[in-house]
Amino acid sequence: MSNIIEPQTGTAFYLKKGQKLKIIDVEGQQVSDMVLFNAEDMRERISSGKTLDFEECIQITTTNFLWSNRSNKLAAIEEDTNGRNDFLLAPCCKQTFEIMYDHKGYHPSCKENLETALAPFGIEPDDIPTAFNVFMNVQYDSDGNLSVLPPTSKAGDYLTIRAEMDLLVGLTACSAEDSNGGTFKPIAYKIM
């Protein structure tokens, strides 16, 4: 049985070493921001820089590992039916919508949803790293200019990771219009 993350919300939970986490795009074209922390020492967390460095690849997918800021393997990606994820862009936040969307007033964000979900575990807002953006379709041209296109994921696509150590996981159903093709949908997850 899967757990559901409602649109534009987030959650946090523990994943034990050896357990698997399956993240499912229920309806298609929905991004999920994921952050990982060492459950025994939360100063150790997922690192996009270390992951891109050690995996020697910008497209992180099946057979790649997600690495920590201390150069340890946090999780292995075992299955990825979509194959398109992002590890360049930070979780959307209040300023994302003010600066990039010219939005005035309140807008839900992945950063806020991660902060809310992770606060009971002692994670401070400044402790939240760049997320591994599951199903996010970030493209870049020969000059290095970035563009965010609608996800290529279809209903039922999933990504499965295996924990390499005891982890605290933060997970969202992303709140940014551009990241999700202009709509907001739920994300499902299953601990196996």
N, C-alpha and C. Protein backbone atom coordinates (compact mmCIF):
# COMPACT_ATOMS: atom_id res chain seq x y z
N MET A 1 0.84 -1.19 0.00
CA MET A 1 0.00 0.00 0.00
C MET A 1 0.88 1.25 0.00
N SER A 2 0.54 2.21 -0.84
CA SER A 2 1.32 3.43 -0.96
C SER A 2 0.78 4.53 -0.06
N ASN A 3 1.69 5.41 0.36
CA ASN A 3 1.33 6.63 1.06
C ASN A 3 1.22 7.73 0.01
N ILE A 4 0.34 8.70 0.24
CA ILE A 4 0.13 9.79 -0.71
C ILE A 4 0.58 11.11 -0.11
N ILE A 5 1.37 11.86 -0.88
CA ILE A 5 1.70 13.24 -0.55
C ILE A 5 0.78 14.11 -1.40
N GLU A 6 -0.09 14.84 -0.75
CA GLU A 6 -1.04 15.68 -1.48
C GLU A 6 -0.30 16.77 -2.25
N PRO A 7 -0.92 17.32 -3.31
CA PRO A 7 -0.27 18.37 -4.11
C PRO A 7 0.23 19.53 -3.24
N GLN A 8 1.43 19.99 -3.55
CA GLN A 8 2.05 21.15 -2.90
C GLN A 8 2.25 20.96 -1.40
N THR A 9 2.54 19.72 -0.98
CA THR A 9 2.83 19.45 0.43
C THR A 9 4.08 18.57 0.51
N GLY A 10 4.46 18.21 1.73
CA GLY A 10 5.62 17.36 1.93
C GLY A 10 5.49 16.51 3.17
N THR A 11 6.45 15.61 3.34
CA THR A 11 6.47 14.72 4.50
C THR A 11 7.91 14.36 4.83
N ALA A 12 8.10 13.74 5.97
CA ALA A 12 9.42 13.25 6.37
C ALA A 12 9.25 11.96 7.16
N PHE A 13 10.24 11.06 7.04
CA PHE A 13 10.16 9.76 7.70
C PHE A 13 11.55 9.12 7.69
N TYR A 14 11.70 8.08 8.52
CA TYR A 14 12.96 7.34 8.58
C TYR A 14 12.94 6.17 7.60
N LEU A 15 14.10 5.87 7.06
CA LEU A 15 14.30 4.73 6.18
C LEU A 15 15.54 4.00 6.71
N LYS A 16 15.38 2.74 7.08
CA LYS A 16 16.49 1.98 7.66
C LYS A 16 17.42 1.46 6.57
N LYS A 17 18.69 1.26 6.94
CA LYS A 17 19.67 0.70 6.01
C LYS A 17 19.13 -0.58 5.40
N GLY A 18 19.21 -0.68 4.08
CA GLY A 18 18.73 -1.86 3.37
C GLY A 18 17.28 -1.75 2.91
N GLN A 19 16.49 -0.87 3.54
CA GLN A 19 15.12 -0.68 3.09
C GLN A 19 15.13 0.07 1.75
N LYS A 20 14.04 -0.10 1.03
CA LYS A 20 13.89 0.59 -0.25
C LYS A 20 12.74 1.58 -0.17
N LEU A 21 12.91 2.68 -0.89
CA LEU A 21 11.87 3.70 -1.01
C LEU A 21 11.51 3.82 -2.48
N LYS A 22 10.23 3.63 -2.77
CA LYS A 22 9.73 3.76 -4.13
C LYS A 22 8.90 5.04 -4.20
N ILE A 23 9.30 5.97 -5.10
CA ILE A 23 8.61 7.25 -5.30
C ILE A 23 7.86 7.12 -6.62
N ILE A 24 6.54 7.34 -6.59
CA ILE A 24 5.68 7.07 -7.74
C ILE A 24 4.99 8.35 -8.20
N ASP A 25 5.10 8.63 -9.51
CA ASP A 25 4.36 9.73 -10.11
C ASP A 25 2.97 9.19 -10.45
N VAL A 26 2.00 9.53 -9.63
CA VAL A 26 0.67 8.92 -9.71
C VAL A 26 -0.05 9.24 -11.02
N GLU A 27 -0.04 10.53 -11.40
CA GLU A 27 -0.82 10.96 -12.57
C GLU A 27 0.06 11.36 -13.76
N GLY A 28 1.36 11.48 -13.55
CA GLY A 28 2.27 11.91 -14.61
C GLY A 28 2.61 13.38 -14.51
N GLN A 29 3.84 13.71 -14.93
CA GLN A 29 4.34 15.09 -14.97
C GLN A 29 4.29 15.79 -13.61
N GLN A 30 4.71 15.08 -12.55
CA GLN A 30 4.78 15.68 -11.22
C GLN A 30 6.15 15.42 -10.61
N VAL A 31 6.83 16.48 -10.21
CA VAL A 31 8.16 16.39 -9.60
C VAL A 31 8.04 16.15 -8.11
N SER A 32 9.04 15.47 -7.54
CA SER A 32 9.15 15.26 -6.10
C SER A 32 10.56 15.64 -5.66
N ASP A 33 10.67 16.62 -4.77
CA ASP A 33 11.97 17.00 -4.20
C ASP A 33 12.29 16.05 -3.05
N MET A 34 13.50 15.47 -3.07
CA MET A 34 13.90 14.54 -2.01
C MET A 34 15.22 15.00 -1.39
N VAL A 35 15.25 15.05 -0.06
CA VAL A 35 16.49 15.29 0.67
C VAL A 35 16.72 14.12 1.62
N LEU A 36 17.99 13.80 1.85
CA LEU A 36 18.37 12.69 2.71
C LEU A 36 19.35 13.16 3.77
N PHE A 37 19.21 12.64 4.99
CA PHE A 37 20.11 12.92 6.09
C PHE A 37 20.52 11.61 6.74
N ASN A 38 21.76 11.53 7.23
CA ASN A 38 22.20 10.41 8.05
C ASN A 38 21.39 10.46 9.34
N ALA A 39 20.61 9.44 9.62
CA ALA A 39 19.74 9.44 10.80
C ALA A 39 20.51 9.47 12.11
N GLU A 40 21.78 9.07 12.09
CA GLU A 40 22.60 9.06 13.30
C GLU A 40 23.33 10.38 13.53
N ASP A 41 23.54 11.16 12.49
CA ASP A 41 24.22 12.46 12.58
C ASP A 41 23.72 13.32 11.43
N MET A 42 22.72 14.14 11.72
CA MET A 42 22.02 14.86 10.67
C MET A 42 22.84 16.00 10.05
N ARG A 43 24.06 16.21 10.55
CA ARG A 43 24.94 17.16 9.86
C ARG A 43 25.44 16.57 8.55
N GLU A 44 25.33 15.24 8.42
CA GLU A 44 25.67 14.58 7.16
C GLU A 44 24.40 14.48 6.33
N ARG A 45 24.46 15.03 5.12
CA ARG A 45 23.25 15.12 4.29
C ARG A 45 23.60 14.96 2.83
N ILE A 46 22.59 14.78 2.01
CA ILE A 46 22.77 14.62 0.58
C ILE A 46 23.51 15.82 -0.01
N SER A 47 24.38 15.54 -0.96
CA SER A 47 25.18 16.59 -1.60
C SER A 47 25.11 16.44 -3.11
N SER A 48 24.57 17.46 -3.77
CA SER A 48 24.54 17.41 -5.22
C SER A 48 25.96 17.48 -5.77
N GLY A 49 26.82 18.32 -5.20
CA GLY A 49 28.19 18.45 -5.68
C GLY A 49 28.96 17.15 -5.60
N LYS A 50 28.91 16.47 -4.46
CA LYS A 50 29.63 15.19 -4.31
C LYS A 50 29.05 14.13 -5.23
N THR A 51 27.71 14.10 -5.36
CA THR A 51 27.08 13.10 -6.22
C THR A 51 27.48 13.29 -7.67
N LEU A 52 27.38 14.52 -8.18
CA LEU A 52 27.76 14.77 -9.57
C LEU A 52 29.24 14.50 -9.79
N ASP A 53 30.05 14.82 -8.80
CA ASP A 53 31.50 14.60 -8.88
C ASP A 53 31.82 13.11 -8.95
N PHE A 54 31.36 12.35 -7.94
CA PHE A 54 31.73 10.93 -7.85
C PHE A 54 31.05 10.07 -8.91
N GLU A 55 29.85 10.44 -9.32
CA GLU A 55 29.16 9.67 -10.36
C GLU A 55 29.60 10.09 -11.76
N GLU A 56 30.32 11.21 -11.85
CA GLU A 56 30.85 11.73 -13.12
C GLU A 56 29.75 11.83 -14.18
N CYS A 57 28.60 12.33 -13.74
CA CYS A 57 27.44 12.41 -14.62
C CYS A 57 26.49 13.48 -14.10
N ILE A 58 25.81 14.15 -15.02
CA ILE A 58 24.83 15.16 -14.62
C ILE A 58 23.41 14.60 -14.59
N GLN A 59 23.21 13.45 -15.27
CA GLN A 59 21.91 12.78 -15.27
C GLN A 59 21.98 11.56 -14.33
N ILE A 60 21.54 11.75 -13.11
CA ILE A 60 21.62 10.70 -12.09
C ILE A 60 20.38 9.82 -12.21
N THR A 61 20.61 8.51 -12.38
CA THR A 61 19.52 7.57 -12.61
C THR A 61 19.93 6.17 -12.15
N THR A 62 19.31 5.14 -12.69
CA THR A 62 19.57 3.76 -12.31
C THR A 62 21.07 3.45 -12.32
N THR A 63 21.53 2.76 -11.30
CA THR A 63 22.92 2.33 -11.03
C THR A 63 23.78 3.43 -10.40
N ASN A 64 23.28 4.66 -10.33
CA ASN A 64 24.03 5.72 -9.66
C ASN A 64 23.76 5.68 -8.15
N PHE A 65 24.67 6.30 -7.41
CA PHE A 65 24.50 6.48 -5.96
C PHE A 65 24.24 7.95 -5.66
N LEU A 66 23.58 8.19 -4.54
CA LEU A 66 23.41 9.54 -4.00
C LEU A 66 24.38 9.66 -2.83
N TRP A 67 25.28 10.65 -2.90
CA TRP A 67 26.38 10.79 -1.95
C TRP A 67 26.13 11.91 -0.95
N SER A 68 26.84 11.84 0.18
CA SER A 68 26.71 12.85 1.24
C SER A 68 27.81 13.90 1.15
N ASN A 69 27.63 14.95 1.93
CA ASN A 69 28.64 16.01 2.05
C ASN A 69 29.93 15.49 2.68
N ARG A 70 29.90 14.29 3.26
CA ARG A 70 31.11 13.66 3.83
C ARG A 70 31.65 12.54 2.92
N SER A 71 31.21 12.53 1.69
CA SER A 71 31.70 11.58 0.68
C SER A 71 31.35 10.13 1.00
N ASN A 72 30.18 9.92 1.62
CA ASN A 72 29.66 8.58 1.88
C ASN A 72 28.43 8.33 1.02
N LYS A 73 28.23 7.08 0.64
CA LYS A 73 27.03 6.70 -0.11
C LYS A 73 25.83 6.70 0.84
N LEU A 74 24.81 7.47 0.49
CA LEU A 74 23.57 7.48 1.27
C LEU A 74 22.56 6.48 0.71
N ALA A 75 22.47 6.41 -0.61
CA ALA A 75 21.47 5.54 -1.23
C ALA A 75 21.90 5.16 -2.64
N ALA A 76 21.44 4.00 -3.07
CA ALA A 76 21.65 3.53 -4.44
C ALA A 76 20.33 3.63 -5.19
N ILE A 77 20.38 4.14 -6.42
CA ILE A 77 19.18 4.15 -7.25
C ILE A 77 19.10 2.81 -7.95
N GLU A 78 18.09 2.03 -7.59
CA GLU A 78 17.95 0.69 -8.14
C GLU A 78 17.08 0.62 -9.39
N GLU A 79 16.03 1.43 -9.42
CA GLU A 79 15.14 1.45 -10.59
C GLU A 79 14.70 2.88 -10.84
N ASP A 80 14.60 3.22 -12.13
CA ASP A 80 14.14 4.55 -12.53
C ASP A 80 13.47 4.40 -13.88
N THR A 81 12.15 4.32 -13.90
CA THR A 81 11.44 4.04 -15.15
C THR A 81 11.36 5.26 -16.06
N ASN A 82 11.62 6.45 -15.54
CA ASN A 82 11.58 7.66 -16.35
C ASN A 82 12.97 8.07 -16.83
N GLY A 83 13.95 8.01 -15.92
CA GLY A 83 15.33 8.30 -16.29
C GLY A 83 15.70 9.76 -16.38
N ARG A 84 14.80 10.67 -16.04
CA ARG A 84 15.10 12.10 -16.10
C ARG A 84 14.84 12.69 -14.72
N ASN A 85 15.94 13.12 -14.06
CA ASN A 85 15.88 13.74 -12.74
C ASN A 85 16.83 14.92 -12.75
N ASP A 86 16.71 15.80 -11.76
CA ASP A 86 17.58 16.98 -11.70
C ASP A 86 18.29 17.04 -10.36
N PHE A 87 19.58 17.44 -10.41
CA PHE A 87 20.33 17.66 -9.17
C PHE A 87 21.08 18.98 -9.23
N LEU A 88 20.57 19.92 -10.06
CA LEU A 88 21.19 21.23 -10.19
C LEU A 88 20.43 22.31 -9.42
N LEU A 89 19.11 22.26 -9.42
CA LEU A 89 18.30 23.35 -8.89
C LEU A 89 17.84 23.09 -7.46
N ALA A 90 17.83 24.16 -6.68
CA ALA A 90 17.43 24.10 -5.27
C ALA A 90 15.91 24.00 -5.15
N PRO A 91 15.41 23.55 -3.99
CA PRO A 91 13.96 23.52 -3.79
C PRO A 91 13.36 24.91 -3.98
N CYS A 92 12.20 24.98 -4.64
CA CYS A 92 11.54 26.28 -4.80
C CYS A 92 11.22 26.85 -3.42
N CYS A 93 11.27 28.18 -3.34
CA CYS A 93 11.04 28.87 -2.06
C CYS A 93 10.27 30.16 -2.32
N LYS A 94 9.97 30.88 -1.28
CA LYS A 94 9.24 32.15 -1.39
C LYS A 94 9.90 33.05 -2.43
N GLN A 95 11.23 33.14 -2.37
CA GLN A 95 11.95 34.02 -3.29
C GLN A 95 11.89 33.52 -4.73
N THR A 96 11.81 32.21 -4.93
CA THR A 96 11.67 31.66 -6.28
C THR A 96 10.47 32.29 -6.97
N PHE A 97 9.36 32.34 -6.26
CA PHE A 97 8.12 32.86 -6.86
C PHE A 97 8.15 34.37 -6.99
N GLU A 98 8.81 35.06 -6.07
CA GLU A 98 8.93 36.51 -6.17
C GLU A 98 9.86 36.91 -7.32
N ILE A 99 11.00 36.25 -7.44
CA ILE A 99 12.02 36.64 -8.41
C ILE A 99 11.75 36.05 -9.80
N MET A 100 11.44 34.79 -9.87
CA MET A 100 11.32 34.12 -11.17
C MET A 100 9.90 34.14 -11.74
N TYR A 101 8.89 34.19 -10.88
CA TYR A 101 7.50 34.17 -11.33
C TYR A 101 6.82 35.53 -11.19
N ASP A 102 7.51 36.50 -10.56
CA ASP A 102 6.93 37.81 -10.28
C ASP A 102 5.60 37.67 -9.53
N HIS A 103 5.56 36.71 -8.60
CA HIS A 103 4.36 36.41 -7.83
C HIS A 103 4.35 37.24 -6.55
N LYS A 104 3.21 37.85 -6.26
CA LYS A 104 3.03 38.61 -5.03
C LYS A 104 2.16 37.80 -4.08
N GLY A 105 2.49 37.85 -2.78
CA GLY A 105 1.69 37.14 -1.80
C GLY A 105 2.18 35.72 -1.58
N TYR A 106 1.40 34.97 -0.85
CA TYR A 106 1.79 33.62 -0.46
C TYR A 106 1.72 32.63 -1.63
N HIS A 107 2.68 31.73 -1.66
CA HIS A 107 2.67 30.60 -2.61
C HIS A 107 3.33 29.42 -1.90
N PRO A 108 2.71 28.24 -1.87
CA PRO A 108 3.38 27.09 -1.27
C PRO A 108 4.70 26.81 -1.98
N SER A 109 5.68 26.27 -1.23
CA SER A 109 6.98 25.97 -1.84
C SER A 109 7.54 24.69 -1.25
N CYS A 110 8.43 24.06 -2.01
CA CYS A 110 9.08 22.84 -1.53
C CYS A 110 9.95 23.13 -0.31
N LYS A 111 10.63 24.27 -0.32
CA LYS A 111 11.49 24.62 0.83
C LYS A 111 10.65 24.71 2.10
N GLU A 112 9.54 25.42 2.03
CA GLU A 112 8.65 25.54 3.19
C GLU A 112 8.11 24.17 3.60
N ASN A 113 7.70 23.36 2.62
CA ASN A 113 7.15 22.05 2.94
C ASN A 113 8.20 21.13 3.56
N LEU A 114 9.44 21.22 3.08
CA LEU A 114 10.52 20.44 3.70
C LEU A 114 10.82 20.96 5.11
N GLU A 115 10.85 22.28 5.28
CA GLU A 115 11.08 22.86 6.61
C GLU A 115 10.03 22.36 7.60
N THR A 116 8.78 22.41 7.21
CA THR A 116 7.68 22.00 8.09
C THR A 116 7.77 20.51 8.43
N ALA A 117 8.03 19.69 7.42
CA ALA A 117 8.08 18.24 7.63
C ALA A 117 9.29 17.81 8.45
N LEU A 118 10.42 18.51 8.27
CA LEU A 118 11.67 18.10 8.93
C LEU A 118 11.89 18.75 10.30
N ALA A 119 11.16 19.81 10.61
CA ALA A 119 11.34 20.52 11.90
C ALA A 119 11.18 19.59 13.10
N PRO A 120 10.20 18.68 13.14
CA PRO A 120 10.07 17.79 14.30
C PRO A 120 11.28 16.87 14.51
N PHE A 121 12.13 16.72 13.49
CA PHE A 121 13.32 15.88 13.59
C PHE A 121 14.57 16.70 13.93
N GLY A 122 14.38 18.00 14.20
CA GLY A 122 15.49 18.86 14.59
C GLY A 122 16.24 19.49 13.44
N ILE A 123 15.70 19.41 12.23
CA ILE A 123 16.34 20.02 11.07
C ILE A 123 15.94 21.48 10.98
N GLU A 124 16.94 22.36 10.96
CA GLU A 124 16.70 23.80 10.83
C GLU A 124 16.58 24.18 9.36
N PRO A 125 15.91 25.29 9.03
CA PRO A 125 15.77 25.71 7.63
C PRO A 125 17.09 25.77 6.87
N ASP A 126 18.15 26.30 7.50
CA ASP A 126 19.44 26.42 6.82
C ASP A 126 20.15 25.08 6.63
N ASP A 127 19.63 24.02 7.25
CA ASP A 127 20.22 22.68 7.10
C ASP A 127 19.72 21.95 5.86
N ILE A 128 18.69 22.49 5.19
CA ILE A 128 18.10 21.81 4.05
C ILE A 128 18.96 22.05 2.81
N PRO A 129 19.49 20.97 2.22
CA PRO A 129 20.39 21.10 1.08
C PRO A 129 19.64 21.16 -0.25
N THR A 130 20.39 21.28 -1.33
CA THR A 130 19.81 21.13 -2.66
C THR A 130 19.19 19.74 -2.74
N ALA A 131 17.96 19.69 -3.20
CA ALA A 131 17.23 18.42 -3.26
C ALA A 131 17.55 17.66 -4.54
N PHE A 132 17.40 16.34 -4.47
CA PHE A 132 17.40 15.51 -5.67
C PHE A 132 15.97 15.57 -6.19
N ASN A 133 15.79 16.20 -7.35
CA ASN A 133 14.48 16.48 -7.91
C ASN A 133 14.03 15.34 -8.83
N VAL A 134 13.30 14.41 -8.25
CA VAL A 134 12.86 13.22 -8.97
C VAL A 134 11.84 13.63 -10.04
N PHE A 135 12.05 13.16 -11.25
CA PHE A 135 11.20 13.40 -12.43
C PHE A 135 11.33 14.81 -13.00
N MET A 136 12.20 15.67 -12.46
CA MET A 136 12.31 17.04 -12.97
C MET A 136 13.13 17.08 -14.26
N ASN A 137 12.63 17.82 -15.24
CA ASN A 137 13.22 17.87 -16.57
C ASN A 137 13.93 19.21 -16.78
N VAL A 138 15.18 19.29 -16.35
CA VAL A 138 16.00 20.49 -16.55
C VAL A 138 16.92 20.24 -17.75
N GLN A 139 16.87 21.14 -18.70
CA GLN A 139 17.71 21.04 -19.90
C GLN A 139 18.72 22.19 -19.88
N TYR A 140 19.80 22.02 -20.59
CA TYR A 140 20.80 23.06 -20.68
C TYR A 140 21.37 23.05 -22.09
N ASP A 141 21.70 24.27 -22.60
CA ASP A 141 22.22 24.37 -23.96
C ASP A 141 23.74 24.42 -23.95
N SER A 142 24.34 24.58 -25.10
CA SER A 142 25.80 24.55 -25.23
C SER A 142 26.47 25.71 -24.51
N ASP A 143 25.72 26.78 -24.23
CA ASP A 143 26.27 27.91 -23.48
C ASP A 143 26.06 27.76 -21.97
N GLY A 144 25.40 26.67 -21.56
CA GLY A 144 25.15 26.43 -20.15
C GLY A 144 23.88 27.05 -19.62
N ASN A 145 23.05 27.63 -20.49
CA ASN A 145 21.78 28.22 -20.06
C ASN A 145 20.79 27.11 -19.72
N LEU A 146 20.11 27.27 -18.59
CA LEU A 146 19.17 26.27 -18.10
C LEU A 146 17.74 26.60 -18.52
N SER A 147 16.95 25.57 -18.74
CA SER A 147 15.51 25.73 -18.94
C SER A 147 14.81 24.56 -18.24
N VAL A 148 13.68 24.87 -17.65
CA VAL A 148 12.87 23.86 -16.97
C VAL A 148 11.68 23.54 -17.86
N LEU A 149 11.62 22.30 -18.31
CA LEU A 149 10.54 21.85 -19.19
C LEU A 149 9.61 20.92 -18.42
N PRO A 150 8.41 20.69 -18.93
CA PRO A 150 7.50 19.76 -18.25
C PRO A 150 8.16 18.39 -18.09
N PRO A 151 7.89 17.71 -16.99
CA PRO A 151 8.45 16.37 -16.80
C PRO A 151 8.05 15.43 -17.93
N THR A 152 8.92 14.49 -18.22
CA THR A 152 8.61 13.46 -19.23
C THR A 152 7.96 12.24 -18.57
N SER A 153 7.83 12.25 -17.25
CA SER A 153 7.26 11.10 -16.54
C SER A 153 5.78 10.95 -16.86
N LYS A 154 5.38 9.69 -16.91
CA LYS A 154 3.99 9.34 -17.17
C LYS A 154 3.39 8.72 -15.90
N ALA A 155 2.08 8.63 -15.86
CA ALA A 155 1.39 8.03 -14.71
C ALA A 155 1.95 6.64 -14.44
N GLY A 156 2.37 6.41 -13.21
CA GLY A 156 2.91 5.12 -12.81
C GLY A 156 4.42 5.02 -12.87
N ASP A 157 5.10 6.00 -13.49
CA ASP A 157 6.56 5.98 -13.46
C ASP A 157 7.04 6.06 -12.01
N TYR A 158 8.20 5.44 -11.74
CA TYR A 158 8.70 5.42 -10.37
C TYR A 158 10.22 5.40 -10.34
N LEU A 159 10.74 5.77 -9.19
CA LEU A 159 12.16 5.69 -8.89
C LEU A 159 12.30 4.98 -7.55
N THR A 160 13.18 3.99 -7.48
CA THR A 160 13.39 3.24 -6.23
C THR A 160 14.83 3.40 -5.78
N ILE A 161 15.01 3.80 -4.52
CA ILE A 161 16.34 3.86 -3.92
C ILE A 161 16.45 2.82 -2.82
N ARG A 162 17.68 2.37 -2.55
CA ARG A 162 17.98 1.48 -1.42
C ARG A 162 18.88 2.24 -0.47
N ALA A 163 18.51 2.31 0.79
CA ALA A 163 19.28 3.05 1.79
C ALA A 163 20.60 2.34 2.08
N GLU A 164 21.70 3.06 2.00
CA GLU A 164 23.03 2.54 2.31
C GLU A 164 23.38 2.76 3.78
N MET A 165 22.57 3.54 4.49
CA MET A 165 22.69 3.75 5.94
C MET A 165 21.31 4.15 6.43
N ASP A 166 21.11 4.21 7.74
CA ASP A 166 19.84 4.69 8.28
C ASP A 166 19.67 6.15 7.89
N LEU A 167 18.51 6.47 7.30
CA LEU A 167 18.29 7.80 6.74
C LEU A 167 17.04 8.47 7.31
N LEU A 168 17.08 9.79 7.34
CA LEU A 168 15.89 10.61 7.47
C LEU A 168 15.62 11.16 6.08
N VAL A 169 14.39 10.97 5.60
CA VAL A 169 14.01 11.38 4.25
C VAL A 169 13.00 12.52 4.32
N GLY A 170 13.22 13.57 3.54
CA GLY A 170 12.22 14.60 3.31
C GLY A 170 11.77 14.49 1.86
N LEU A 171 10.45 14.54 1.63
CA LEU A 171 9.91 14.29 0.30
C LEU A 171 8.73 15.23 0.05
N THR A 172 8.64 15.78 -1.16
CA THR A 172 7.54 16.69 -1.48
C THR A 172 6.81 16.26 -2.75
N ALA A 173 5.64 16.85 -2.94
CA ALA A 173 4.98 16.94 -4.24
C ALA A 173 5.19 18.39 -4.64
N CYS A 174 6.09 18.63 -5.57
CA CYS A 174 6.62 19.97 -5.87
C CYS A 174 5.54 21.01 -6.15
N SER A 175 5.85 22.24 -5.72
CA SER A 175 4.90 23.35 -5.78
C SER A 175 5.15 24.36 -6.89
N ALA A 176 6.15 24.13 -7.74
CA ALA A 176 6.49 25.12 -8.78
C ALA A 176 5.79 24.79 -10.10
N GLU A 177 5.08 25.77 -10.64
CA GLU A 177 4.32 25.57 -11.87
C GLU A 177 5.20 25.07 -13.02
N ASP A 178 6.33 25.74 -13.26
CA ASP A 178 7.19 25.39 -14.39
C ASP A 178 7.71 23.96 -14.29
N SER A 179 8.00 23.52 -13.07
CA SER A 179 8.56 22.18 -12.87
C SER A 179 7.57 21.08 -13.20
N ASN A 180 6.28 21.39 -13.11
CA ASN A 180 5.22 20.37 -13.23
C ASN A 180 4.29 20.58 -14.41
N GLY A 181 4.76 21.29 -15.43
CA GLY A 181 3.92 21.52 -16.61
C GLY A 181 2.68 22.34 -16.32
N GLY A 182 2.71 23.18 -15.27
CA GLY A 182 1.62 24.09 -14.97
C GLY A 182 0.54 23.55 -14.06
N THR A 183 0.67 22.30 -13.61
CA THR A 183 -0.36 21.72 -12.72
C THR A 183 0.29 21.12 -11.48
N PHE A 184 -0.52 20.79 -10.50
CA PHE A 184 -0.03 20.19 -9.26
C PHE A 184 -0.79 18.91 -8.99
N LYS A 185 -0.04 17.84 -8.75
CA LYS A 185 -0.64 16.53 -8.55
C LYS A 185 0.01 15.85 -7.35
N PRO A 186 -0.55 14.75 -6.88
CA PRO A 186 0.04 14.05 -5.74
C PRO A 186 1.27 13.22 -6.17
N ILE A 187 2.05 12.86 -5.17
CA ILE A 187 3.15 11.90 -5.32
C ILE A 187 2.86 10.76 -4.34
N ALA A 188 3.11 9.55 -4.75
CA ALA A 188 2.95 8.40 -3.86
C ALA A 188 4.34 7.86 -3.50
N TYR A 189 4.42 7.25 -2.33
CA TYR A 189 5.67 6.59 -1.97
C TYR A 189 5.37 5.35 -1.16
N LYS A 190 6.31 4.41 -1.24
CA LYS A 190 6.15 3.13 -0.54
C LYS A 190 7.50 2.75 0.05
N ILE A 191 7.52 2.36 1.32
CA ILE A 191 8.73 1.84 1.96
C ILE A 191 8.67 0.33 1.87
N MET A 192 9.75 -0.28 1.35
CA MET A 192 9.77 -1.72 1.14
C MET A 192 10.95 -2.35 1.86
